[in-house]
Amino acid sequence: MFTEDRYYLTLAAAFVRGRLGLTGSPLETLSPADMADLLRAGQAAGLRLHKFKRTMGLPRVRRVLGLLHGLRPTRLLDIGCGRGTFLWPLLEAFPTLPVTAADTDERRVADAGAIRRGGLTSLTAARTDATRLAFGDNAFDVVTLLETLEHIPDAPRALAEAVRVARRFVVLSVPSHADDNPQHLHLFPRARIADLFAQARAERVSLEGVLNHLIAVARLPAVS
């Protein structure tokens, strides 16, 4: 039932350890069987583990992960980590990359915090507003803002904040077509995305379409 092909097994095991306050061997030394035992313990304790089930993988997530391999980040901030649609694949693809997962939702941030307590110390959780990020200028090498900007009333402010705390790149994805999601407050044509980045301090912006979404990579001026 609990196998690596069905679950993000390492992340789920860390979550269970963090939530149940369990200690033991370092996370990286656990076998798949050890981790499956932890998940069974978590299930028996009533923890909701379905969030760690694998899916076929979204094309936009695969594309952003491919871009990140090329960008070679040294420290990354993911704004709007949500249910982990991007965060879980990110942590699996870059197991040693220091990642800060930021969200306004207390439960989402608590989930990420439990994973850290459970042994994945490369992950840090932060509850913060995207329009008032609690980080200094140029604090992160790369910032990702995926399927988030369309939800934020003051989208220009949120994008400017992402640019402020990034040192080299901001990677953005948004829907490319209108839909019936009532939580989507904005639609961003290519020209609007380019204009928003220009209003910040982006040096160059590349845009591409990936299955009903736009992905933008903004390069920032070198920090003196």
N, C-alpha and C. Protein backbone atom coordinates (compact mmCIF):
# COMPACT_ATOMS: atom_id res chain seq x y z
N MET A 1 0.83 -1.21 0.00
CA MET A 1 0.00 0.00 0.00
C MET A 1 0.87 1.26 0.00
N PHE A 2 1.77 1.34 0.96
CA PHE A 2 2.65 2.51 1.04
C PHE A 2 3.97 2.17 0.34
N THR A 3 4.09 2.55 -0.91
CA THR A 3 5.28 2.26 -1.69
C THR A 3 5.76 3.52 -2.37
N GLU A 4 7.01 3.51 -2.81
CA GLU A 4 7.62 4.69 -3.42
C GLU A 4 6.95 5.08 -4.72
N ASP A 5 6.34 4.13 -5.42
CA ASP A 5 5.69 4.48 -6.68
C ASP A 5 4.29 5.07 -6.46
N ARG A 6 3.77 4.97 -5.23
CA ARG A 6 2.44 5.50 -4.94
C ARG A 6 2.47 6.74 -4.05
N TYR A 7 3.54 6.90 -3.28
CA TYR A 7 3.66 8.00 -2.34
C TYR A 7 5.03 8.67 -2.44
N TYR A 8 5.06 9.94 -2.08
CA TYR A 8 6.35 10.58 -1.79
C TYR A 8 6.75 10.06 -0.41
N LEU A 9 7.35 8.89 -0.41
CA LEU A 9 7.49 8.11 0.80
C LEU A 9 8.37 8.81 1.84
N THR A 10 9.50 9.37 1.41
CA THR A 10 10.39 10.04 2.35
C THR A 10 9.72 11.25 2.99
N LEU A 11 9.01 12.02 2.19
CA LEU A 11 8.34 13.21 2.71
C LEU A 11 7.22 12.82 3.67
N ALA A 12 6.46 11.80 3.30
CA ALA A 12 5.37 11.35 4.16
C ALA A 12 5.91 10.80 5.47
N ALA A 13 7.00 10.05 5.42
CA ALA A 13 7.60 9.51 6.64
C ALA A 13 8.09 10.63 7.55
N ALA A 14 8.71 11.65 6.97
CA ALA A 14 9.16 12.80 7.76
C ALA A 14 7.97 13.52 8.38
N PHE A 15 6.90 13.66 7.63
CA PHE A 15 5.68 14.30 8.14
C PHE A 15 5.14 13.55 9.35
N VAL A 16 5.06 12.23 9.25
CA VAL A 16 4.56 11.41 10.36
C VAL A 16 5.46 11.57 11.58
N ARG A 17 6.77 11.49 11.38
CA ARG A 17 7.69 11.65 12.52
C ARG A 17 7.51 13.02 13.17
N GLY A 18 7.41 14.04 12.34
CA GLY A 18 7.27 15.38 12.89
C GLY A 18 5.96 15.58 13.62
N ARG A 19 4.88 15.05 13.08
CA ARG A 19 3.58 15.22 13.72
C ARG A 19 3.45 14.39 15.00
N LEU A 20 4.04 13.20 15.01
CA LEU A 20 3.91 12.33 16.18
C LEU A 20 5.05 12.49 17.17
N GLY A 21 6.01 13.36 16.86
CA GLY A 21 7.12 13.59 17.76
C GLY A 21 8.03 12.39 17.90
N LEU A 22 8.20 11.62 16.82
CA LEU A 22 9.02 10.42 16.86
C LEU A 22 10.48 10.76 16.55
N THR A 23 11.38 10.04 17.15
CA THR A 23 12.80 10.19 16.87
C THR A 23 13.34 8.84 16.40
N GLY A 24 14.57 8.85 15.94
CA GLY A 24 15.17 7.61 15.48
C GLY A 24 16.31 7.88 14.54
N SER A 25 16.56 6.96 13.65
CA SER A 25 17.66 7.07 12.71
C SER A 25 17.45 8.26 11.78
N PRO A 26 18.55 8.82 11.25
CA PRO A 26 18.41 9.89 10.27
C PRO A 26 17.50 9.46 9.12
N LEU A 27 16.73 10.40 8.61
CA LEU A 27 15.74 10.11 7.58
C LEU A 27 16.36 9.40 6.38
N GLU A 28 17.57 9.84 5.99
CA GLU A 28 18.20 9.29 4.78
C GLU A 28 18.66 7.85 4.95
N THR A 29 18.69 7.35 6.18
CA THR A 29 19.13 5.96 6.40
C THR A 29 17.95 4.99 6.48
N LEU A 30 16.71 5.49 6.46
CA LEU A 30 15.55 4.62 6.56
C LEU A 30 15.32 3.88 5.25
N SER A 31 14.96 2.63 5.34
CA SER A 31 14.62 1.85 4.15
C SER A 31 13.17 2.14 3.75
N PRO A 32 12.78 1.79 2.52
CA PRO A 32 11.37 1.94 2.15
C PRO A 32 10.43 1.21 3.10
N ALA A 33 10.85 0.06 3.60
CA ALA A 33 10.01 -0.68 4.55
C ALA A 33 9.87 0.08 5.86
N ASP A 34 10.97 0.70 6.34
CA ASP A 34 10.91 1.51 7.55
C ASP A 34 9.92 2.67 7.37
N MET A 35 10.01 3.31 6.21
CA MET A 35 9.15 4.46 5.96
C MET A 35 7.69 4.03 5.84
N ALA A 36 7.45 2.89 5.21
CA ALA A 36 6.08 2.38 5.11
C ALA A 36 5.52 2.08 6.49
N ASP A 37 6.35 1.57 7.39
CA ASP A 37 5.91 1.32 8.77
C ASP A 37 5.52 2.63 9.45
N LEU A 38 6.28 3.69 9.19
CA LEU A 38 5.94 4.99 9.77
C LEU A 38 4.60 5.48 9.23
N LEU A 39 4.37 5.29 7.95
CA LEU A 39 3.10 5.74 7.37
C LEU A 39 1.92 4.97 7.95
N ARG A 40 2.11 3.69 8.20
CA ARG A 40 1.04 2.92 8.84
C ARG A 40 0.77 3.44 10.25
N ALA A 41 1.84 3.81 10.96
CA ALA A 41 1.66 4.39 12.29
C ALA A 41 0.92 5.72 12.20
N GLY A 42 1.25 6.51 11.20
CA GLY A 42 0.56 7.78 11.02
C GLY A 42 -0.90 7.59 10.68
N GLN A 43 -1.17 6.63 9.82
CA GLN A 43 -2.55 6.34 9.46
C GLN A 43 -3.34 5.89 10.68
N ALA A 44 -2.73 5.04 11.51
CA ALA A 44 -3.39 4.56 12.73
C ALA A 44 -3.67 5.72 13.68
N ALA A 45 -2.82 6.75 13.64
CA ALA A 45 -2.99 7.92 14.52
C ALA A 45 -3.98 8.93 13.94
N GLY A 46 -4.51 8.63 12.75
CA GLY A 46 -5.50 9.52 12.15
C GLY A 46 -4.94 10.63 11.29
N LEU A 47 -3.65 10.56 10.95
CA LEU A 47 -3.07 11.59 10.09
C LEU A 47 -3.55 11.42 8.66
N ARG A 48 -3.76 12.53 7.99
CA ARG A 48 -4.22 12.50 6.60
C ARG A 48 -3.00 12.48 5.68
N LEU A 49 -2.77 11.33 5.07
CA LEU A 49 -1.56 11.13 4.27
C LEU A 49 -1.82 11.16 2.77
N HIS A 50 -3.07 11.34 2.37
CA HIS A 50 -3.36 11.33 0.93
C HIS A 50 -2.66 12.47 0.20
N LYS A 51 -2.30 13.53 0.94
CA LYS A 51 -1.63 14.67 0.30
C LYS A 51 -0.27 14.29 -0.27
N PHE A 52 0.28 13.16 0.17
CA PHE A 52 1.58 12.71 -0.31
C PHE A 52 1.48 11.66 -1.41
N LYS A 53 0.28 11.40 -1.90
CA LYS A 53 0.13 10.46 -3.01
C LYS A 53 0.69 11.07 -4.29
N ARG A 54 1.35 10.25 -5.06
CA ARG A 54 1.88 10.69 -6.34
C ARG A 54 0.75 10.79 -7.37
N THR A 55 0.94 11.70 -8.32
CA THR A 55 0.05 11.78 -9.47
C THR A 55 0.88 11.58 -10.72
N MET A 56 0.25 11.68 -11.86
CA MET A 56 0.98 11.54 -13.13
C MET A 56 1.99 12.68 -13.33
N GLY A 57 1.79 13.77 -12.60
CA GLY A 57 2.71 14.91 -12.73
C GLY A 57 2.19 15.91 -13.75
N LEU A 58 2.07 17.15 -13.33
CA LEU A 58 1.56 18.19 -14.23
C LEU A 58 2.66 18.68 -15.16
N PRO A 59 2.31 18.91 -16.44
CA PRO A 59 3.33 19.39 -17.39
C PRO A 59 4.03 20.66 -16.93
N ARG A 60 3.28 21.59 -16.33
CA ARG A 60 3.91 22.84 -15.90
C ARG A 60 4.90 22.60 -14.76
N VAL A 61 4.60 21.64 -13.89
CA VAL A 61 5.53 21.32 -12.80
C VAL A 61 6.80 20.69 -13.37
N ARG A 62 6.63 19.75 -14.29
CA ARG A 62 7.80 19.12 -14.90
C ARG A 62 8.66 20.15 -15.61
N ARG A 63 8.02 21.10 -16.28
CA ARG A 63 8.79 22.12 -17.01
C ARG A 63 9.56 23.02 -16.06
N VAL A 64 8.93 23.43 -14.97
CA VAL A 64 9.62 24.30 -14.01
C VAL A 64 10.79 23.56 -13.37
N LEU A 65 10.61 22.29 -13.04
CA LEU A 65 11.72 21.52 -12.48
C LEU A 65 12.87 21.44 -13.47
N GLY A 66 12.55 21.26 -14.75
CA GLY A 66 13.60 21.25 -15.76
C GLY A 66 14.33 22.58 -15.84
N LEU A 67 13.58 23.68 -15.76
CA LEU A 67 14.21 25.00 -15.76
C LEU A 67 15.11 25.18 -14.56
N LEU A 68 14.68 24.72 -13.40
CA LEU A 68 15.48 24.87 -12.19
C LEU A 68 16.78 24.08 -12.28
N HIS A 69 16.76 22.95 -12.92
CA HIS A 69 18.01 22.20 -13.10
C HIS A 69 19.02 23.06 -13.88
N GLY A 70 18.51 23.84 -14.84
CA GLY A 70 19.39 24.72 -15.58
C GLY A 70 19.83 25.94 -14.80
N LEU A 71 18.95 26.46 -13.95
CA LEU A 71 19.27 27.65 -13.16
C LEU A 71 20.19 27.34 -11.98
N ARG A 72 20.20 26.10 -11.52
CA ARG A 72 21.09 25.65 -10.44
C ARG A 72 20.98 26.55 -9.20
N PRO A 73 19.80 26.61 -8.59
CA PRO A 73 19.64 27.48 -7.41
C PRO A 73 20.45 26.98 -6.22
N THR A 74 20.86 27.91 -5.38
CA THR A 74 21.55 27.57 -4.14
C THR A 74 20.66 27.75 -2.91
N ARG A 75 19.60 28.55 -3.05
CA ARG A 75 18.62 28.74 -1.98
C ARG A 75 17.34 29.21 -2.64
N LEU A 76 16.23 28.56 -2.34
CA LEU A 76 15.00 28.82 -3.07
C LEU A 76 13.85 29.12 -2.12
N LEU A 77 13.03 30.10 -2.50
CA LEU A 77 11.78 30.42 -1.81
C LEU A 77 10.62 30.06 -2.72
N ASP A 78 9.70 29.23 -2.22
CA ASP A 78 8.47 28.89 -2.96
C ASP A 78 7.32 29.61 -2.29
N ILE A 79 6.77 30.61 -2.97
CA ILE A 79 5.67 31.41 -2.44
C ILE A 79 4.35 30.77 -2.83
N GLY A 80 3.52 30.49 -1.82
CA GLY A 80 2.24 29.86 -2.09
C GLY A 80 2.38 28.37 -2.27
N CYS A 81 3.01 27.70 -1.31
CA CYS A 81 3.30 26.27 -1.45
C CYS A 81 2.03 25.42 -1.49
N GLY A 82 0.95 25.90 -0.88
CA GLY A 82 -0.34 25.25 -1.00
C GLY A 82 -0.34 23.79 -0.58
N ARG A 83 -0.94 22.94 -1.42
CA ARG A 83 -1.09 21.52 -1.10
C ARG A 83 0.13 20.69 -1.47
N GLY A 84 1.18 21.35 -1.97
CA GLY A 84 2.40 20.62 -2.30
C GLY A 84 2.48 20.15 -3.73
N THR A 85 1.60 20.63 -4.60
CA THR A 85 1.60 20.19 -6.00
C THR A 85 2.96 20.37 -6.64
N PHE A 86 3.62 21.47 -6.33
CA PHE A 86 4.98 21.71 -6.81
C PHE A 86 6.02 21.39 -5.75
N LEU A 87 5.70 21.67 -4.49
CA LEU A 87 6.70 21.53 -3.42
C LEU A 87 7.18 20.10 -3.27
N TRP A 88 6.28 19.11 -3.28
CA TRP A 88 6.73 17.73 -3.10
C TRP A 88 7.67 17.28 -4.22
N PRO A 89 7.31 17.47 -5.50
CA PRO A 89 8.27 17.11 -6.56
C PRO A 89 9.58 17.89 -6.47
N LEU A 90 9.51 19.16 -6.05
CA LEU A 90 10.71 19.97 -5.89
C LEU A 90 11.65 19.36 -4.86
N LEU A 91 11.10 19.01 -3.70
CA LEU A 91 11.93 18.45 -2.63
C LEU A 91 12.53 17.11 -3.03
N GLU A 92 11.80 16.34 -3.80
CA GLU A 92 12.33 15.06 -4.26
C GLU A 92 13.42 15.25 -5.30
N ALA A 93 13.22 16.21 -6.22
CA ALA A 93 14.19 16.43 -7.29
C ALA A 93 15.46 17.11 -6.79
N PHE A 94 15.35 17.92 -5.72
CA PHE A 94 16.49 18.66 -5.17
C PHE A 94 16.59 18.39 -3.67
N PRO A 95 16.97 17.19 -3.29
CA PRO A 95 16.91 16.79 -1.87
C PRO A 95 17.82 17.57 -0.93
N THR A 96 18.88 18.19 -1.45
CA THR A 96 19.79 18.93 -0.58
C THR A 96 19.65 20.45 -0.72
N LEU A 97 18.77 20.90 -1.61
CA LEU A 97 18.59 22.34 -1.82
C LEU A 97 17.85 22.96 -0.64
N PRO A 98 18.39 24.01 -0.02
CA PRO A 98 17.63 24.70 1.04
C PRO A 98 16.40 25.39 0.43
N VAL A 99 15.23 24.96 0.85
CA VAL A 99 13.96 25.46 0.34
C VAL A 99 13.15 26.04 1.49
N THR A 100 12.65 27.25 1.30
CA THR A 100 11.69 27.84 2.23
C THR A 100 10.32 27.81 1.59
N ALA A 101 9.37 27.16 2.24
CA ALA A 101 8.00 27.07 1.75
C ALA A 101 7.16 28.10 2.47
N ALA A 102 6.59 29.05 1.72
CA ALA A 102 5.84 30.15 2.32
C ALA A 102 4.38 30.09 1.91
N ASP A 103 3.52 30.38 2.86
CA ASP A 103 2.08 30.41 2.57
C ASP A 103 1.41 31.21 3.68
N THR A 104 0.18 31.64 3.43
CA THR A 104 -0.59 32.32 4.47
C THR A 104 -1.45 31.34 5.26
N ASP A 105 -1.64 30.14 4.72
CA ASP A 105 -2.49 29.13 5.35
C ASP A 105 -1.73 28.44 6.48
N GLU A 106 -2.24 28.55 7.68
CA GLU A 106 -1.55 28.00 8.86
C GLU A 106 -1.35 26.50 8.75
N ARG A 107 -2.35 25.78 8.23
CA ARG A 107 -2.24 24.32 8.15
C ARG A 107 -1.18 23.90 7.15
N ARG A 108 -1.10 24.58 6.01
CA ARG A 108 -0.09 24.24 5.01
C ARG A 108 1.32 24.46 5.57
N VAL A 109 1.49 25.56 6.26
CA VAL A 109 2.79 25.87 6.85
C VAL A 109 3.12 24.84 7.95
N ALA A 110 2.12 24.45 8.72
CA ALA A 110 2.34 23.44 9.76
C ALA A 110 2.76 22.11 9.15
N ASP A 111 2.19 21.74 8.01
CA ASP A 111 2.59 20.49 7.34
C ASP A 111 4.07 20.54 6.97
N ALA A 112 4.50 21.66 6.39
CA ALA A 112 5.91 21.80 6.01
C ALA A 112 6.80 21.79 7.25
N GLY A 113 6.35 22.42 8.31
CA GLY A 113 7.13 22.42 9.55
C GLY A 113 7.28 21.02 10.13
N ALA A 114 6.23 20.20 10.02
CA ALA A 114 6.31 18.83 10.51
C ALA A 114 7.32 18.02 9.71
N ILE A 115 7.39 18.25 8.41
CA ILE A 115 8.36 17.54 7.58
C ILE A 115 9.78 17.89 8.01
N ARG A 116 10.00 19.15 8.31
CA ARG A 116 11.33 19.54 8.79
C ARG A 116 11.64 18.88 10.13
N ARG A 117 10.70 18.92 11.06
CA ARG A 117 10.93 18.30 12.37
C ARG A 117 11.16 16.79 12.23
N GLY A 118 10.56 16.20 11.21
CA GLY A 118 10.71 14.77 10.99
C GLY A 118 12.01 14.37 10.35
N GLY A 119 12.87 15.35 10.02
CA GLY A 119 14.20 15.01 9.53
C GLY A 119 14.63 15.63 8.23
N LEU A 120 13.71 16.28 7.48
CA LEU A 120 14.12 16.91 6.22
C LEU A 120 14.53 18.35 6.52
N THR A 121 15.76 18.51 6.98
CA THR A 121 16.20 19.81 7.50
C THR A 121 16.52 20.82 6.40
N SER A 122 16.50 20.40 5.14
CA SER A 122 16.69 21.36 4.05
C SER A 122 15.43 22.21 3.84
N LEU A 123 14.31 21.81 4.44
CA LEU A 123 13.04 22.53 4.28
C LEU A 123 12.78 23.41 5.49
N THR A 124 12.38 24.66 5.20
CA THR A 124 11.97 25.61 6.24
C THR A 124 10.57 26.09 5.89
N ALA A 125 9.72 26.24 6.90
CA ALA A 125 8.35 26.71 6.70
C ALA A 125 8.22 28.15 7.19
N ALA A 126 7.46 28.96 6.45
CA ALA A 126 7.26 30.36 6.85
C ALA A 126 5.84 30.78 6.53
N ARG A 127 5.15 31.30 7.55
CA ARG A 127 3.81 31.85 7.30
C ARG A 127 3.98 33.35 7.07
N THR A 128 3.71 33.78 5.85
CA THR A 128 3.94 35.18 5.50
C THR A 128 3.06 35.57 4.33
N ASP A 129 2.71 36.83 4.27
CA ASP A 129 1.88 37.40 3.21
C ASP A 129 2.76 37.68 1.99
N ALA A 130 2.30 37.25 0.82
CA ALA A 130 3.09 37.45 -0.41
C ALA A 130 3.31 38.92 -0.73
N THR A 131 2.44 39.80 -0.23
CA THR A 131 2.62 41.23 -0.50
C THR A 131 3.46 41.93 0.56
N ARG A 132 3.85 41.18 1.60
CA ARG A 132 4.71 41.73 2.66
C ARG A 132 5.62 40.60 3.15
N LEU A 133 6.49 40.15 2.31
CA LEU A 133 7.33 39.00 2.64
C LEU A 133 8.28 39.33 3.79
N ALA A 134 8.38 38.39 4.71
CA ALA A 134 9.19 38.61 5.91
C ALA A 134 10.64 38.21 5.70
N PHE A 135 11.23 38.69 4.60
CA PHE A 135 12.61 38.36 4.27
C PHE A 135 13.31 39.61 3.76
N GLY A 136 14.63 39.61 3.89
CA GLY A 136 15.40 40.74 3.42
C GLY A 136 15.58 40.75 1.91
N ASP A 137 16.10 41.85 1.41
CA ASP A 137 16.37 41.97 -0.02
C ASP A 137 17.39 40.92 -0.45
N ASN A 138 17.16 40.33 -1.63
CA ASN A 138 18.10 39.37 -2.23
C ASN A 138 18.38 38.18 -1.32
N ALA A 139 17.40 37.80 -0.51
CA ALA A 139 17.62 36.74 0.48
C ALA A 139 17.68 35.35 -0.15
N PHE A 140 17.10 35.18 -1.34
CA PHE A 140 17.04 33.87 -1.99
C PHE A 140 17.62 33.95 -3.39
N ASP A 141 18.32 32.92 -3.77
CA ASP A 141 18.90 32.86 -5.10
C ASP A 141 17.81 32.85 -6.17
N VAL A 142 16.79 32.01 -5.95
CA VAL A 142 15.67 31.88 -6.89
C VAL A 142 14.37 31.89 -6.09
N VAL A 143 13.35 32.55 -6.64
CA VAL A 143 12.02 32.57 -6.04
C VAL A 143 11.04 31.98 -7.05
N THR A 144 10.19 31.06 -6.60
CA THR A 144 9.13 30.52 -7.45
C THR A 144 7.79 31.02 -6.95
N LEU A 145 6.93 31.36 -7.88
CA LEU A 145 5.60 31.90 -7.60
C LEU A 145 4.66 31.23 -8.60
N LEU A 146 4.20 30.03 -8.26
CA LEU A 146 3.52 29.16 -9.22
C LEU A 146 2.04 29.01 -8.88
N GLU A 147 1.18 29.37 -9.83
CA GLU A 147 -0.28 29.27 -9.63
C GLU A 147 -0.70 29.99 -8.36
N THR A 148 -0.11 31.14 -8.15
CA THR A 148 -0.37 31.92 -6.93
C THR A 148 -0.80 33.34 -7.24
N LEU A 149 -0.14 33.97 -8.20
CA LEU A 149 -0.35 35.40 -8.44
C LEU A 149 -1.80 35.71 -8.81
N GLU A 150 -2.47 34.81 -9.52
CA GLU A 150 -3.85 35.06 -9.94
C GLU A 150 -4.83 35.06 -8.76
N HIS A 151 -4.39 34.59 -7.60
CA HIS A 151 -5.23 34.56 -6.40
C HIS A 151 -5.09 35.81 -5.54
N ILE A 152 -4.11 36.65 -5.81
CA ILE A 152 -3.75 37.74 -4.90
C ILE A 152 -4.36 39.06 -5.39
N PRO A 153 -5.16 39.73 -4.57
CA PRO A 153 -5.77 40.99 -5.01
C PRO A 153 -4.75 42.00 -5.52
N ASP A 154 -3.69 42.24 -4.75
CA ASP A 154 -2.67 43.21 -5.16
C ASP A 154 -1.52 42.46 -5.84
N ALA A 155 -1.78 41.99 -7.04
CA ALA A 155 -0.79 41.17 -7.75
C ALA A 155 0.50 41.92 -8.05
N PRO A 156 0.45 43.20 -8.48
CA PRO A 156 1.72 43.90 -8.73
C PRO A 156 2.61 43.98 -7.50
N ARG A 157 2.00 44.21 -6.34
CA ARG A 157 2.79 44.28 -5.10
C ARG A 157 3.43 42.92 -4.79
N ALA A 158 2.67 41.85 -5.00
CA ALA A 158 3.20 40.51 -4.72
C ALA A 158 4.38 40.20 -5.64
N LEU A 159 4.25 40.54 -6.91
CA LEU A 159 5.35 40.26 -7.84
C LEU A 159 6.56 41.12 -7.51
N ALA A 160 6.33 42.37 -7.13
CA ALA A 160 7.45 43.23 -6.74
C ALA A 160 8.16 42.69 -5.51
N GLU A 161 7.42 42.11 -4.57
CA GLU A 161 8.03 41.50 -3.39
C GLU A 161 8.86 40.28 -3.76
N ALA A 162 8.33 39.46 -4.68
CA ALA A 162 9.10 38.29 -5.13
C ALA A 162 10.42 38.73 -5.75
N VAL A 163 10.38 39.78 -6.56
CA VAL A 163 11.59 40.31 -7.18
C VAL A 163 12.54 40.87 -6.12
N ARG A 164 11.98 41.53 -5.13
CA ARG A 164 12.81 42.14 -4.08
C ARG A 164 13.65 41.12 -3.34
N VAL A 165 13.05 39.99 -3.00
CA VAL A 165 13.77 39.01 -2.16
C VAL A 165 14.59 38.04 -2.99
N ALA A 166 14.50 38.12 -4.33
CA ALA A 166 15.28 37.23 -5.20
C ALA A 166 16.60 37.87 -5.57
N ARG A 167 17.61 37.03 -5.72
CA ARG A 167 18.93 37.52 -6.12
C ARG A 167 19.20 37.35 -7.61
N ARG A 168 18.77 36.20 -8.18
CA ARG A 168 19.07 35.95 -9.59
C ARG A 168 17.85 35.79 -10.48
N PHE A 169 16.86 34.97 -10.04
CA PHE A 169 15.72 34.67 -10.90
C PHE A 169 14.42 34.60 -10.11
N VAL A 170 13.33 34.98 -10.80
CA VAL A 170 11.97 34.69 -10.34
C VAL A 170 11.32 33.83 -11.42
N VAL A 171 10.74 32.70 -11.01
CA VAL A 171 10.03 31.82 -11.93
C VAL A 171 8.55 31.87 -11.57
N LEU A 172 7.73 32.22 -12.56
CA LEU A 172 6.30 32.45 -12.36
C LEU A 172 5.50 31.55 -13.28
N SER A 173 4.37 31.01 -12.79
CA SER A 173 3.41 30.38 -13.69
C SER A 173 2.01 30.85 -13.34
N VAL A 174 1.21 31.08 -14.38
CA VAL A 174 -0.18 31.53 -14.22
C VAL A 174 -1.02 30.87 -15.31
N PRO A 175 -2.34 30.76 -15.11
CA PRO A 175 -3.19 30.25 -16.18
C PRO A 175 -3.14 31.17 -17.39
N SER A 176 -3.21 30.58 -18.57
CA SER A 176 -3.15 31.39 -19.79
C SER A 176 -4.53 31.67 -20.37
N HIS A 177 -5.56 31.05 -19.81
CA HIS A 177 -6.92 31.24 -20.30
C HIS A 177 -7.87 31.46 -19.12
N ALA A 178 -8.93 32.20 -19.38
CA ALA A 178 -9.96 32.39 -18.35
C ALA A 178 -10.61 31.05 -18.02
N ASP A 179 -11.01 30.89 -16.76
CA ASP A 179 -11.69 29.67 -16.36
C ASP A 179 -12.79 30.03 -15.37
N ASP A 180 -13.44 29.00 -14.81
CA ASP A 180 -14.57 29.27 -13.91
C ASP A 180 -14.19 29.16 -12.44
N ASN A 181 -12.89 29.22 -12.14
CA ASN A 181 -12.44 29.16 -10.75
C ASN A 181 -12.70 30.51 -10.09
N PRO A 182 -13.60 30.57 -9.09
CA PRO A 182 -13.92 31.88 -8.49
C PRO A 182 -12.77 32.47 -7.69
N GLN A 183 -11.74 31.66 -7.39
CA GLN A 183 -10.59 32.17 -6.65
C GLN A 183 -9.56 32.83 -7.56
N HIS A 184 -9.74 32.70 -8.86
CA HIS A 184 -8.84 33.35 -9.81
C HIS A 184 -9.33 34.78 -10.05
N LEU A 185 -8.58 35.72 -9.53
CA LEU A 185 -8.98 37.13 -9.58
C LEU A 185 -8.47 37.85 -10.80
N HIS A 186 -7.45 37.32 -11.45
CA HIS A 186 -6.80 38.00 -12.57
C HIS A 186 -6.51 37.01 -13.69
N LEU A 187 -6.42 37.53 -14.89
CA LEU A 187 -5.87 36.81 -16.03
C LEU A 187 -4.71 37.64 -16.56
N PHE A 188 -3.57 37.00 -16.78
CA PHE A 188 -2.36 37.72 -17.16
C PHE A 188 -1.93 37.35 -18.58
N PRO A 189 -2.24 38.22 -19.55
CA PRO A 189 -1.67 38.02 -20.88
C PRO A 189 -0.15 38.19 -20.84
N ARG A 190 0.51 37.73 -21.87
CA ARG A 190 1.97 37.82 -21.91
C ARG A 190 2.46 39.24 -21.70
N ALA A 191 1.82 40.19 -22.37
CA ALA A 191 2.28 41.58 -22.28
C ALA A 191 2.15 42.12 -20.86
N ARG A 192 1.11 41.68 -20.16
CA ARG A 192 0.91 42.16 -18.79
C ARG A 192 1.99 41.60 -17.87
N ILE A 193 2.35 40.33 -18.05
CA ILE A 193 3.42 39.75 -17.24
C ILE A 193 4.73 40.49 -17.48
N ALA A 194 5.04 40.73 -18.75
CA ALA A 194 6.27 41.44 -19.07
C ALA A 194 6.27 42.83 -18.47
N ASP A 195 5.11 43.49 -18.50
CA ASP A 195 5.01 44.85 -17.95
C ASP A 195 5.20 44.86 -16.44
N LEU A 196 4.61 43.88 -15.75
CA LEU A 196 4.75 43.81 -14.29
C LEU A 196 6.20 43.58 -13.89
N PHE A 197 6.88 42.71 -14.61
CA PHE A 197 8.29 42.49 -14.31
C PHE A 197 9.12 43.73 -14.61
N ALA A 198 8.76 44.44 -15.67
CA ALA A 198 9.50 45.66 -16.01
C ALA A 198 9.31 46.72 -14.94
N GLN A 199 8.11 46.78 -14.35
CA GLN A 199 7.84 47.75 -13.29
C GLN A 199 8.66 47.43 -12.04
N ALA A 200 8.99 46.16 -11.88
CA ALA A 200 9.90 45.78 -10.79
C ALA A 200 11.32 46.07 -11.29
N ARG A 201 12.23 45.13 -11.19
CA ARG A 201 13.58 45.44 -11.67
C ARG A 201 14.15 44.31 -12.52
N ALA A 202 13.26 43.57 -13.15
CA ALA A 202 13.73 42.45 -13.96
C ALA A 202 14.54 42.95 -15.14
N GLU A 203 15.62 42.25 -15.43
CA GLU A 203 16.51 42.62 -16.53
C GLU A 203 16.04 42.03 -17.85
N ARG A 204 15.54 40.78 -17.79
CA ARG A 204 15.08 40.10 -18.99
C ARG A 204 14.04 39.06 -18.59
N VAL A 205 12.99 38.91 -19.41
CA VAL A 205 11.92 37.97 -19.11
C VAL A 205 11.69 37.07 -20.32
N SER A 206 11.69 35.77 -20.09
CA SER A 206 11.32 34.82 -21.15
C SER A 206 10.00 34.18 -20.77
N LEU A 207 9.14 33.96 -21.78
CA LEU A 207 7.81 33.42 -21.56
C LEU A 207 7.57 32.24 -22.49
N GLU A 208 6.88 31.21 -21.98
CA GLU A 208 6.50 30.08 -22.82
C GLU A 208 5.17 29.53 -22.33
N GLY A 209 4.43 28.94 -23.25
CA GLY A 209 3.16 28.32 -22.92
C GLY A 209 3.33 26.83 -22.68
N VAL A 210 2.70 26.34 -21.61
CA VAL A 210 2.73 24.91 -21.30
C VAL A 210 1.32 24.50 -20.88
N LEU A 211 0.57 23.91 -21.79
CA LEU A 211 -0.75 23.34 -21.55
C LEU A 211 -1.63 24.25 -20.70
N ASN A 212 -2.11 25.33 -21.32
CA ASN A 212 -3.05 26.26 -20.69
C ASN A 212 -2.44 27.10 -19.57
N HIS A 213 -1.13 27.16 -19.53
CA HIS A 213 -0.45 27.98 -18.55
C HIS A 213 0.70 28.73 -19.22
N LEU A 214 1.05 29.85 -18.63
CA LEU A 214 2.24 30.59 -19.04
C LEU A 214 3.30 30.46 -17.95
N ILE A 215 4.51 30.21 -18.38
CA ILE A 215 5.65 30.16 -17.45
C ILE A 215 6.60 31.28 -17.83
N ALA A 216 6.96 32.09 -16.86
CA ALA A 216 7.89 33.19 -17.08
C ALA A 216 9.13 32.99 -16.21
N VAL A 217 10.29 33.26 -16.79
CA VAL A 217 11.54 33.26 -16.05
C VAL A 217 12.13 34.66 -16.17
N ALA A 218 12.23 35.35 -15.06
CA ALA A 218 12.75 36.70 -15.05
C ALA A 218 14.17 36.69 -14.48
N ARG A 219 15.11 37.18 -15.26
CA ARG A 219 16.49 37.35 -14.78
C ARG A 219 16.61 38.72 -14.15
N LEU A 220 17.27 38.78 -13.01
CA LEU A 220 17.41 40.04 -12.29
C LEU A 220 18.81 40.60 -12.47
N PRO A 221 18.95 41.91 -12.35
CA PRO A 221 20.29 42.51 -12.48
C PRO A 221 21.23 41.98 -11.40
N ALA A 222 22.50 41.90 -11.74
CA ALA A 222 23.49 41.42 -10.80
C ALA A 222 23.53 42.34 -9.58
N VAL A 223 23.63 41.74 -8.42
CA VAL A 223 23.70 42.50 -7.17
C VAL A 223 25.13 42.97 -6.96
N SER A 224 25.31 44.26 -6.77
CA SER A 224 26.67 44.79 -6.60
C SER A 224 27.14 44.61 -5.18
